[in-house]
Amino acid sequence: MKLSYIIKKEDNFENLKELIKTQFQISDRLFLKLKKNNKIYLNNSNICLWKPLEINDLVEIFIDFEEDNSNIPSTKMNLDIIYEDDAFLVTNKPAGIPVHPSMQHYSDSLSSGVKYYFDTLSLHKKIRPVNRIDRNTSGIVIFAKNEYIQEYLVREMKNKEFYKEYIAICNGLLNEKQGTINLPISRKEGSIIERCIDEKGSPSITHYLVLNEYIDKDYTVVQCTLETGRTHQIRVHMSAIDHPLLGDTLYGKESNLISRQALHSHKVSFIHPITKERVTYIAPLPYDIRKLI
């Protein structure tokens, strides 16, 4: 993959380094890697980064590297790929498998499936999930294909330019059909997994909208959009307003209607790092949630 820029008359970059840091917002770590590996070119030549620039100069940055990804086991699985290009891979993760390998799920994580898929393409890249969802949450997980794309998308999340929408089914009927839950979240004392509402915790904001109510079954379908991205945020917030997710045994209780928390990462929208156009991807609802709604 290559980033390109042609110097314009109105540009006021002091030198090539300033352009790279300003125009492409490349981190210091990646910049040093590009410099060390001679990946920066001016008018088709690898040249001093402090050289003054002139109108119509062509700057090219080659951001692809062969990388060691042997830390992730390779496992064949049927990936549900929503979209793919040279920048990233958008997958629809089923419930029941984690995004990352762990002691309990060393070889059956989504990352292992992506590693196997990359191997079939002879793509020697680190496995870089941009967003993360719980093992028993289904839906969209994005994998960046290089360090620049990962940095760009993470920066969009921090700048709140990355839209994340979930479909959840919660217990009970909500009095307010639309609202915002603004409650700080922190790790629960004595637990490495569970989170809780804590005034000393990190700011956490969830917006919700009731989509449908099932009065006879006493549950509600809710659309949740995240302004922040804390671990278990939707699960903790819905439990905090006394409407825990259906089937959420950590923050609610078991359900005979679904065997996991009823939560699906349904939709994402963000600015494409290369085309600079807003793109949107949707993951269809899985069967266990579809049958409830």
C-alpha atoms as a PDB file:
ATOM      1  CA  MET A   1       0.000   0.000   0.000  1.00  0.00           C
ATOM      2  CA  LYS A   2       1.178   3.478  -0.845  1.00  0.00           C
ATOM      3  CA  LEU A   3       0.298   6.961   0.417  1.00  0.00           C
ATOM      4  CA  SER A   4       0.813   9.788  -2.080  1.00  0.00           C
ATOM      5  CA  TYR A   5       0.740  13.563  -1.967  1.00  0.00           C
ATOM      6  CA  ILE A   6       1.575  16.263  -4.526  1.00  0.00           C
ATOM      7  CA  ILE A   7       2.842  19.569  -3.168  1.00  0.00           C
ATOM      8  CA  LYS A   8       0.407  22.426  -3.862  1.00  0.00           C
ATOM      9  CA  LYS A   9       1.111  26.104  -4.275  1.00  0.00           C
ATOM     10  CA  GLU A  10      -0.656  26.966  -1.016  1.00  0.00           C
ATOM     11  CA  ASP A  11       1.244  24.372   1.027  1.00  0.00           C
ATOM     12  CA  ASN A  12       3.673  25.647   3.603  1.00  0.00           C
ATOM     13  CA  PHE A  13       5.525  22.538   4.725  1.00  0.00           C
ATOM     14  CA  GLU A  14       9.059  23.296   5.818  1.00  0.00           C
ATOM     15  CA  ASN A  15      10.379  19.922   4.685  1.00  0.00           C
ATOM     16  CA  LEU A  16       9.424  16.334   3.904  1.00  0.00           C
ATOM     17  CA  LYS A  17       9.335  15.273   7.534  1.00  0.00           C
ATOM     18  CA  GLU A  18       6.890  18.018   8.465  1.00  0.00           C
ATOM     19  CA  LEU A  19       4.608  17.054   5.581  1.00  0.00           C
ATOM     20  CA  ILE A  20       4.573  13.399   6.636  1.00  0.00           C
ATOM     21  CA  LYS A  21       3.812  14.206  10.267  1.00  0.00           C
ATOM     22  CA  THR A  22       1.176  16.830   9.431  1.00  0.00           C
ATOM     23  CA  GLN A  23      -0.566  15.558   6.306  1.00  0.00           C
ATOM     24  CA  PHE A  24      -0.652  11.859   7.207  1.00  0.00           C
ATOM     25  CA  GLN A  25      -0.494  12.156  11.028  1.00  0.00           C
ATOM     26  CA  ILE A  26       1.948   9.289  11.202  1.00  0.00           C
ATOM     27  CA  SER A  27       3.150   8.367  14.693  1.00  0.00           C
ATOM     28  CA  ASP A  28       6.773   8.791  15.726  1.00  0.00           C
ATOM     29  CA  ARG A  29       7.166   5.011  15.993  1.00  0.00           C
ATOM     30  CA  LEU A  30       5.897   4.355  12.473  1.00  0.00           C
ATOM     31  CA  PHE A  31       7.846   7.316  11.090  1.00  0.00           C
ATOM     32  CA  LEU A  32      11.115   5.899  12.418  1.00  0.00           C
ATOM     33  CA  LYS A  33      10.257   2.507  10.950  1.00  0.00           C
ATOM     34  CA  LEU A  34       9.540   4.056   7.535  1.00  0.00           C
ATOM     35  CA  LYS A  35      12.764   6.031   7.658  1.00  0.00           C
ATOM     36  CA  LYS A  36      14.855   3.048   8.735  1.00  0.00           C
ATOM     37  CA  ASN A  37      13.472   0.867   5.944  1.00  0.00           C
ATOM     38  CA  ASN A  38      13.786   3.549   3.208  1.00  0.00           C
ATOM     39  CA  LYS A  39      10.046   3.650   2.566  1.00  0.00           C
ATOM     40  CA  ILE A  40       9.785   7.410   1.948  1.00  0.00           C
ATOM     41  CA  TYR A  41      10.295   8.807  -1.550  1.00  0.00           C
ATOM     42  CA  LEU A  42      10.378  12.252  -3.112  1.00  0.00           C
ATOM     43  CA  ASN A  43       9.960  12.322  -6.901  1.00  0.00           C
ATOM     44  CA  ASN A  44      10.749   8.588  -7.072  1.00  0.00           C
ATOM     45  CA  SER A  45      13.965   8.946  -5.083  1.00  0.00           C
ATOM     46  CA  ASN A  46      14.770   8.043  -1.508  1.00  0.00           C
ATOM     47  CA  ILE A  47      16.049  11.376  -0.281  1.00  0.00           C
ATOM     48  CA  CYS A  48      16.893  13.448   2.800  1.00  0.00           C
ATOM     49  CA  LEU A  49      13.789  14.144   4.889  1.00  0.00           C
ATOM     50  CA  TRP A  50      14.909  17.708   5.592  1.00  0.00           C
ATOM     51  CA  LYS A  51      15.119  18.707   1.941  1.00  0.00           C
ATOM     52  CA  PRO A  52      12.919  21.744   1.115  1.00  0.00           C
ATOM     53  CA  LEU A  53       9.833  20.969  -0.965  1.00  0.00           C
ATOM     54  CA  GLU A  54       8.750  22.552  -4.245  1.00  0.00           C
ATOM     55  CA  ILE A  55       5.405  22.859  -6.004  1.00  0.00           C
ATOM     56  CA  ASN A  56       4.364  19.605  -7.781  1.00  0.00           C
ATOM     57  CA  ASP A  57       6.865  17.494  -5.870  1.00  0.00           C
ATOM     58  CA  LEU A  58       5.518  13.958  -5.519  1.00  0.00           C
ATOM     59  CA  VAL A  59       5.755  12.421  -2.052  1.00  0.00           C
ATOM     60  CA  GLU A  60       5.209   8.662  -1.762  1.00  0.00           C
ATOM     61  CA  ILE A  61       5.197   6.547   1.397  1.00  0.00           C
ATOM     62  CA  PHE A  62       5.204   2.775   1.124  1.00  0.00           C
ATOM     63  CA  ILE A  63       3.575   1.537   4.311  1.00  0.00           C
ATOM     64  CA  ASP A  64       3.556  -2.212   3.748  1.00  0.00           C
ATOM     65  CA  PHE A  65       6.058  -4.404   5.571  1.00  0.00           C
ATOM     66  CA  GLU A  66       6.401  -8.140   5.822  1.00  0.00           C
ATOM     67  CA  GLU A  67       5.806  -8.922   9.489  1.00  0.00           C
ATOM     68  CA  ASP A  68       6.154 -11.906  11.781  1.00  0.00           C
ATOM     69  CA  ASN A  69       2.741 -13.106  12.940  1.00  0.00           C
ATOM     70  CA  SER A  70       3.840 -16.446  14.385  1.00  0.00           C
ATOM     71  CA  ASN A  71       2.558 -15.387  17.836  1.00  0.00           C
ATOM     72  CA  ILE A  72      -0.971 -16.158  16.605  1.00  0.00           C
ATOM     73  CA  PRO A  73      -1.856 -19.821  15.896  1.00  0.00           C
ATOM     74  CA  SER A  74      -3.338 -20.457  12.454  1.00  0.00           C
ATOM     75  CA  THR A  75      -6.753 -22.161  12.472  1.00  0.00           C
ATOM     76  CA  LYS A  76      -9.005 -22.817   9.514  1.00  0.00           C
ATOM     77  CA  MET A  77     -12.518 -21.491  10.037  1.00  0.00           C
ATOM     78  CA  ASN A  78     -15.362 -20.177   7.953  1.00  0.00           C
ATOM     79  CA  LEU A  79     -14.910 -16.427   8.240  1.00  0.00           C
ATOM     80  CA  ASP A  80     -17.983 -14.317   7.515  1.00  0.00           C
ATOM     81  CA  ILE A  81     -16.300 -11.488   5.594  1.00  0.00           C
ATOM     82  CA  ILE A  82     -18.476  -8.416   5.121  1.00  0.00           C
ATOM     83  CA  TYR A  83     -15.865  -6.348   3.272  1.00  0.00           C
ATOM     84  CA  GLU A  84     -12.187  -6.424   2.419  1.00  0.00           C
ATOM     85  CA  ASP A  85      -9.672  -4.190   0.657  1.00  0.00           C
ATOM     86  CA  ASP A  86      -5.935  -3.470   0.958  1.00  0.00           C
ATOM     87  CA  ALA A  87      -6.521  -1.459   4.123  1.00  0.00           C
ATOM     88  CA  PHE A  88      -8.712  -3.635   6.340  1.00  0.00           C
ATOM     89  CA  LEU A  89     -10.918  -6.683   6.737  1.00  0.00           C
ATOM     90  CA  VAL A  90     -14.466  -6.398   8.152  1.00  0.00           C
ATOM     91  CA  THR A  91     -15.765  -9.638   9.687  1.00  0.00           C
ATOM     92  CA  ASN A  92     -19.032 -10.734  11.275  1.00  0.00           C
ATOM     93  CA  LYS A  93     -17.979 -12.672  14.387  1.00  0.00           C
ATOM     94  CA  PRO A  94     -20.334 -15.350  15.684  1.00  0.00           C
ATOM     95  CA  ALA A  95     -21.050 -15.553  19.389  1.00  0.00           C
ATOM     96  CA  GLY A  96     -18.973 -18.069  21.309  1.00  0.00           C
ATOM     97  CA  ILE A  97     -15.494 -17.310  20.021  1.00  0.00           C
ATOM     98  CA  PRO A  98     -13.171 -14.619  21.381  1.00  0.00           C
ATOM     99  CA  VAL A  99     -11.418 -12.008  19.270  1.00  0.00           C
ATOM    100  CA  HIS A 100      -7.989 -12.771  20.825  1.00  0.00           C
ATOM    101  CA  PRO A 101      -6.294 -16.062  21.739  1.00  0.00           C
ATOM    102  CA  SER A 102      -6.228 -16.896  25.441  1.00  0.00           C
ATOM    103  CA  MET A 103      -5.256 -19.826  27.641  1.00  0.00           C
ATOM    104  CA  GLN A 104      -8.790 -21.228  27.352  1.00  0.00           C
ATOM    105  CA  HIS A 105      -9.158 -20.368  23.662  1.00  0.00           C
ATOM    106  CA  TYR A 106      -5.622 -20.545  22.327  1.00  0.00           C
ATOM    107  CA  SER A 107      -6.371 -21.785  18.807  1.00  0.00           C
ATOM    108  CA  ASP A 108     -10.076 -21.058  18.238  1.00  0.00           C
ATOM    109  CA  SER A 109     -10.124 -17.250  18.376  1.00  0.00           C
ATOM    110  CA  LEU A 110     -11.225 -15.041  15.502  1.00  0.00           C
ATOM    111  CA  SER A 111      -7.631 -13.796  15.237  1.00  0.00           C
ATOM    112  CA  SER A 112      -6.497 -17.375  14.532  1.00  0.00           C
ATOM    113  CA  GLY A 113      -9.050 -17.630  11.746  1.00  0.00           C
ATOM    114  CA  VAL A 114      -7.836 -14.356  10.249  1.00  0.00           C
ATOM    115  CA  LYS A 115      -4.235 -15.595  10.549  1.00  0.00           C
ATOM    116  CA  TYR A 116      -5.134 -18.723   8.539  1.00  0.00           C
ATOM    117  CA  TYR A 117      -6.929 -16.568   5.945  1.00  0.00           C
ATOM    118  CA  PHE A 118      -3.918 -14.247   5.631  1.00  0.00           C
ATOM    119  CA  ASP A 119      -1.703 -17.331   5.179  1.00  0.00           C
ATOM    120  CA  THR A 120      -3.827 -18.467   2.222  1.00  0.00           C
ATOM    121  CA  LEU A 121      -3.211 -15.049   0.637  1.00  0.00           C
ATOM    122  CA  SER A 122       0.528 -15.171   1.468  1.00  0.00           C
ATOM    123  CA  LEU A 123      -0.091 -11.993   3.449  1.00  0.00           C
ATOM    124  CA  HIS A 124       2.604 -11.788   6.116  1.00  0.00           C
ATOM    125  CA  LYS A 125       1.010  -9.260   8.442  1.00  0.00           C
ATOM    126  CA  LYS A 126       0.482  -8.928  12.155  1.00  0.00           C
ATOM    127  CA  ILE A 127      -3.088  -9.595  13.261  1.00  0.00           C
ATOM    128  CA  ARG A 128      -4.468  -6.188  14.260  1.00  0.00           C
ATOM    129  CA  PRO A 129      -8.085  -6.070  15.492  1.00  0.00           C
ATOM    130  CA  VAL A 130      -9.193  -2.441  15.562  1.00  0.00           C
ATOM    131  CA  ASN A 131     -12.264  -2.943  17.734  1.00  0.00           C
ATOM    132  CA  ARG A 132     -13.044  -5.641  20.278  1.00  0.00           C
ATOM    133  CA  ILE A 133     -16.255  -7.316  21.367  1.00  0.00           C
ATOM    134  CA  ASP A 134     -16.887  -9.919  24.057  1.00  0.00           C
ATOM    135  CA  ARG A 135     -16.677 -13.634  23.313  1.00  0.00           C
ATOM    136  CA  ASN A 136     -20.459 -14.062  23.558  1.00  0.00           C
ATOM    137  CA  THR A 137     -21.271 -10.864  21.688  1.00  0.00           C
ATOM    138  CA  SER A 138     -21.728 -11.289  17.951  1.00  0.00           C
ATOM    139  CA  GLY A 139     -21.092  -8.868  15.119  1.00  0.00           C
ATOM    140  CA  ILE A 140     -18.562  -6.603  13.484  1.00  0.00           C
ATOM    141  CA  VAL A 141     -14.846  -6.866  14.177  1.00  0.00           C
ATOM    142  CA  ILE A 142     -12.388  -4.990  11.941  1.00  0.00           C
ATOM    143  CA  PHE A 143      -8.785  -6.048  11.312  1.00  0.00           C
ATOM    144  CA  ALA A 144      -6.288  -3.471  10.002  1.00  0.00           C
ATOM    145  CA  LYS A 145      -3.811  -4.786   7.442  1.00  0.00           C
ATOM    146  CA  ASN A 146      -0.967  -2.536   8.495  1.00  0.00           C
ATOM    147  CA  GLU A 147       0.167  -0.251  11.288  1.00  0.00           C
ATOM    148  CA  TYR A 148      -0.857   2.979   9.547  1.00  0.00           C
ATOM    149  CA  ILE A 149      -4.475   1.833   9.069  1.00  0.00           C
ATOM    150  CA  GLN A 150      -4.678   0.675  12.677  1.00  0.00           C
ATOM    151  CA  GLU A 151      -3.374   4.013  13.970  1.00  0.00           C
ATOM    152  CA  TYR A 152      -5.778   5.946  11.730  1.00  0.00           C
ATOM    153  CA  LEU A 153      -8.882   4.054  12.837  1.00  0.00           C
ATOM    154  CA  VAL A 154      -7.933   4.118  16.527  1.00  0.00           C
ATOM    155  CA  ARG A 155      -7.457   7.880  16.209  1.00  0.00           C
ATOM    156  CA  GLU A 156     -10.961   8.173  14.715  1.00  0.00           C
ATOM    157  CA  MET A 157     -12.333   6.340  17.734  1.00  0.00           C
ATOM    158  CA  LYS A 158     -10.558   8.693  20.122  1.00  0.00           C
ATOM    159  CA  ASN A 159     -11.851  11.687  18.149  1.00  0.00           C
ATOM    160  CA  LYS A 160     -15.404  10.268  18.195  1.00  0.00           C
ATOM    161  CA  GLU A 161     -15.538  10.043  14.405  1.00  0.00           C
ATOM    162  CA  PHE A 162     -16.083   6.276  14.499  1.00  0.00           C
ATOM    163  CA  TYR A 163     -19.785   5.341  14.792  1.00  0.00           C
ATOM    164  CA  LYS A 164     -20.630   2.047  16.543  1.00  0.00           C
ATOM    165  CA  GLU A 165     -24.192   0.773  16.746  1.00  0.00           C
ATOM    166  CA  TYR A 166     -25.395  -2.320  18.611  1.00  0.00           C
ATOM    167  CA  ILE A 167     -28.691  -4.183  18.797  1.00  0.00           C
ATOM    168  CA  ALA A 168     -29.486  -5.408  22.300  1.00  0.00           C
ATOM    169  CA  ILE A 169     -32.433  -7.159  23.919  1.00  0.00           C
ATOM    170  CA  CYS A 170     -32.937  -6.189  27.530  1.00  0.00           C
ATOM    171  CA  ASN A 171     -35.176  -7.409  30.296  1.00  0.00           C
ATOM    172  CA  GLY A 172     -38.319  -5.437  31.038  1.00  0.00           C
ATOM    173  CA  LEU A 173     -39.956  -2.422  29.432  1.00  0.00           C
ATOM    174  CA  LEU A 174     -38.194   0.950  29.527  1.00  0.00           C
ATOM    175  CA  ASN A 175     -40.138   3.986  30.736  1.00  0.00           C
ATOM    176  CA  GLU A 176     -38.013   6.307  28.619  1.00  0.00           C
ATOM    177  CA  LYS A 177     -38.035   5.188  24.980  1.00  0.00           C
ATOM    178  CA  GLN A 178     -34.901   7.168  24.154  1.00  0.00           C
ATOM    179  CA  GLY A 179     -32.107   8.431  26.340  1.00  0.00           C
ATOM    180  CA  THR A 180     -28.470   8.647  27.325  1.00  0.00           C
ATOM    181  CA  ILE A 181     -26.732   6.729  30.088  1.00  0.00           C
ATOM    182  CA  ASN A 182     -23.779   8.731  31.365  1.00  0.00           C
ATOM    183  CA  LEU A 183     -22.218   6.712  34.170  1.00  0.00           C
ATOM    184  CA  PRO A 184     -18.478   6.156  34.756  1.00  0.00           C
ATOM    185  CA  ILE A 185     -17.222   2.564  34.609  1.00  0.00           C
ATOM    186  CA  SER A 186     -14.269   0.908  36.305  1.00  0.00           C
ATOM    187  CA  ARG A 187     -12.997  -2.602  36.981  1.00  0.00           C
ATOM    188  CA  LYS A 188     -14.784  -4.211  39.922  1.00  0.00           C
ATOM    189  CA  GLU A 189     -12.486  -4.651  42.905  1.00  0.00           C
ATOM    190  CA  GLY A 190     -11.244  -8.215  43.203  1.00  0.00           C
ATOM    191  CA  SER A 191     -12.234  -9.184  39.646  1.00  0.00           C
ATOM    192  CA  ILE A 192     -10.244  -9.204  36.411  1.00  0.00           C
ATOM    193  CA  ILE A 193     -13.404  -9.520  34.301  1.00  0.00           C
ATOM    194  CA  GLU A 194     -16.343  -7.743  35.872  1.00  0.00           C
ATOM    195  CA  ARG A 195     -16.905  -3.987  35.601  1.00  0.00           C
ATOM    196  CA  CYS A 196     -19.060  -1.709  37.702  1.00  0.00           C
ATOM    197  CA  ILE A 197     -20.374   1.833  37.974  1.00  0.00           C
ATOM    198  CA  ASP A 198     -17.874   3.882  39.964  1.00  0.00           C
ATOM    199  CA  GLU A 199     -17.680   7.652  40.307  1.00  0.00           C
ATOM    200  CA  LYS A 200     -13.885   7.310  40.058  1.00  0.00           C
ATOM    201  CA  GLY A 201     -14.143   5.279  36.873  1.00  0.00           C
ATOM    202  CA  SER A 202     -13.626   6.275  33.230  1.00  0.00           C
ATOM    203  CA  PRO A 203     -16.275   8.470  31.567  1.00  0.00           C
ATOM    204  CA  SER A 204     -18.728   6.209  29.738  1.00  0.00           C
ATOM    205  CA  ILE A 205     -21.652   7.306  27.559  1.00  0.00           C
ATOM    206  CA  THR A 206     -24.257   5.106  25.869  1.00  0.00           C
ATOM    207  CA  HIS A 207     -27.175   6.430  23.812  1.00  0.00           C
ATOM    208  CA  TYR A 208     -30.182   4.134  23.455  1.00  0.00           C
ATOM    209  CA  LEU A 209     -33.380   4.008  21.403  1.00  0.00           C
ATOM    210  CA  VAL A 210     -36.228   1.537  21.922  1.00  0.00           C
ATOM    211  CA  LEU A 211     -36.981  -0.246  18.642  1.00  0.00           C
ATOM    212  CA  ASN A 212     -39.648  -2.693  19.792  1.00  0.00           C
ATOM    213  CA  GLU A 213     -41.344  -3.910  22.951  1.00  0.00           C
ATOM    214  CA  TYR A 214     -42.694  -7.377  23.720  1.00  0.00           C
ATOM    215  CA  ILE A 215     -45.096  -6.790  26.590  1.00  0.00           C
ATOM    216  CA  ASP A 216     -46.213 -10.414  26.889  1.00  0.00           C
ATOM    217  CA  LYS A 217     -42.593 -11.640  27.150  1.00  0.00           C
ATOM    218  CA  ASP A 218     -41.346  -8.640  29.139  1.00  0.00           C
ATOM    219  CA  TYR A 219     -38.331  -7.702  27.027  1.00  0.00           C
ATOM    220  CA  THR A 220     -37.326  -4.811  24.788  1.00  0.00           C
ATOM    221  CA  VAL A 221     -35.248  -4.483  21.627  1.00  0.00           C
ATOM    222  CA  VAL A 222     -32.905  -1.513  21.931  1.00  0.00           C
ATOM    223  CA  GLN A 223     -30.495   0.204  19.571  1.00  0.00           C
ATOM    224  CA  CYS A 224     -27.380   1.358  21.439  1.00  0.00           C
ATOM    225  CA  THR A 225     -24.733   3.715  20.088  1.00  0.00           C
ATOM    226  CA  LEU A 226     -21.474   4.251  21.910  1.00  0.00           C
ATOM    227  CA  GLU A 227     -19.843   7.598  22.511  1.00  0.00           C
ATOM    228  CA  THR A 228     -17.110   5.841  24.495  1.00  0.00           C
ATOM    229  CA  GLY A 229     -15.852   2.274  24.268  1.00  0.00           C
ATOM    230  CA  ARG A 230     -15.368   0.774  27.721  1.00  0.00           C
ATOM    231  CA  THR A 231     -15.196  -2.936  28.387  1.00  0.00           C
ATOM    232  CA  HIS A 232     -18.748  -4.344  28.867  1.00  0.00           C
ATOM    233  CA  GLN A 233     -20.119  -0.800  28.526  1.00  0.00           C
ATOM    234  CA  ILE A 234     -23.599  -1.611  27.194  1.00  0.00           C
ATOM    235  CA  ARG A 235     -23.973  -4.589  29.535  1.00  0.00           C
ATOM    236  CA  VAL A 236     -22.980  -2.538  32.599  1.00  0.00           C
ATOM    237  CA  HIS A 237     -25.073   0.487  31.632  1.00  0.00           C
ATOM    238  CA  MET A 238     -28.267  -1.441  30.896  1.00  0.00           C
ATOM    239  CA  SER A 239     -27.889  -3.349  34.163  1.00  0.00           C
ATOM    240  CA  ALA A 240     -27.338  -0.048  35.991  1.00  0.00           C
ATOM    241  CA  ILE A 241     -30.788   1.197  34.888  1.00  0.00           C
ATOM    242  CA  ASP A 242     -32.336  -2.134  35.979  1.00  0.00           C
ATOM    243  CA  HIS A 243     -32.709  -3.540  32.465  1.00  0.00           C
ATOM    244  CA  PRO A 244     -29.859  -6.054  32.088  1.00  0.00           C
ATOM    245  CA  LEU A 245     -29.446  -7.780  28.763  1.00  0.00           C
ATOM    246  CA  LEU A 246     -31.372 -10.970  28.194  1.00  0.00           C
ATOM    247  CA  GLY A 247     -29.129 -13.944  28.983  1.00  0.00           C
ATOM    248  CA  ASP A 248     -26.333 -11.881  30.577  1.00  0.00           C
ATOM    249  CA  THR A 249     -25.252 -14.075  33.486  1.00  0.00           C
ATOM    250  CA  LEU A 250     -22.548 -11.622  34.619  1.00  0.00           C
ATOM    251  CA  TYR A 251     -24.727  -8.531  35.029  1.00  0.00           C
ATOM    252  CA  GLY A 252     -28.171 -10.119  35.017  1.00  0.00           C
ATOM    253  CA  LYS A 253     -29.390 -13.704  34.976  1.00  0.00           C
ATOM    254  CA  GLU A 254     -29.773 -16.723  32.729  1.00  0.00           C
ATOM    255  CA  SER A 255     -32.594 -16.878  30.202  1.00  0.00           C
ATOM    256  CA  ASN A 256     -34.370 -19.824  28.603  1.00  0.00           C
ATOM    257  CA  LEU A 257     -34.803 -17.679  25.478  1.00  0.00           C
ATOM    258  CA  ILE A 258     -31.129 -17.246  24.558  1.00  0.00           C
ATOM    259  CA  SER A 259     -27.930 -18.937  25.749  1.00  0.00           C
ATOM    260  CA  ARG A 260     -25.736 -15.806  25.840  1.00  0.00           C
ATOM    261  CA  GLN A 261     -26.069 -12.062  26.346  1.00  0.00           C
ATOM    262  CA  ALA A 262     -28.384 -10.737  23.633  1.00  0.00           C
ATOM    263  CA  LEU A 263     -25.977  -8.236  22.111  1.00  0.00           C
ATOM    264  CA  HIS A 264     -24.890  -7.783  18.493  1.00  0.00           C
ATOM    265  CA  SER A 265     -22.401  -5.304  17.009  1.00  0.00           C
ATOM    266  CA  HIS A 266     -24.648  -4.342  14.121  1.00  0.00           C
ATOM    267  CA  LYS A 267     -23.235  -1.323  12.318  1.00  0.00           C
ATOM    268  CA  VAL A 268     -20.063   0.766  12.036  1.00  0.00           C
ATOM    269  CA  SER A 269     -19.339   3.911  10.070  1.00  0.00           C
ATOM    270  CA  PHE A 270     -16.039   5.778   9.733  1.00  0.00           C
ATOM    271  CA  ILE A 271     -13.794   7.711   7.356  1.00  0.00           C
ATOM    272  CA  HIS A 272     -11.787   5.371   5.141  1.00  0.00           C
ATOM    273  CA  PRO A 273      -8.085   6.013   5.831  1.00  0.00           C
ATOM    274  CA  ILE A 274      -7.140   5.958   2.140  1.00  0.00           C
ATOM    275  CA  THR A 275     -10.163   7.241   0.156  1.00  0.00           C
ATOM    276  CA  LYS A 276     -11.156   9.712   2.922  1.00  0.00           C
ATOM    277  CA  GLU A 277     -14.824   8.881   2.211  1.00  0.00           C
ATOM    278  CA  ARG A 278     -17.247   7.785   4.911  1.00  0.00           C
ATOM    279  CA  VAL A 279     -17.963   4.069   4.713  1.00  0.00           C
ATOM    280  CA  THR A 280     -20.631   2.036   6.498  1.00  0.00           C
ATOM    281  CA  TYR A 281     -20.779  -1.711   7.172  1.00  0.00           C
ATOM    282  CA  ILE A 282     -23.663  -3.746   8.596  1.00  0.00           C
ATOM    283  CA  ALA A 283     -23.598  -7.239  10.085  1.00  0.00           C
ATOM    284  CA  PRO A 284     -26.908  -9.116   9.730  1.00  0.00           C
ATOM    285  CA  LEU A 285     -28.502 -10.248  12.967  1.00  0.00           C
ATOM    286  CA  PRO A 286     -27.688 -13.839  13.957  1.00  0.00           C
ATOM    287  CA  TYR A 287     -30.396 -16.464  14.222  1.00  0.00           C
ATOM    288  CA  ASP A 288     -30.685 -16.508  18.035  1.00  0.00           C
ATOM    289  CA  ILE A 289     -31.471 -12.777  18.110  1.00  0.00           C
ATOM    290  CA  ARG A 290     -33.617 -12.803  14.959  1.00  0.00           C
ATOM    291  CA  LYS A 291     -35.964 -15.417  16.420  1.00  0.00           C
ATOM    292  CA  LEU A 292     -36.604 -13.168  19.431  1.00  0.00           C
ATOM    293  CA  ILE A 293     -37.564 -10.109  17.363  1.00  0.00           C
END
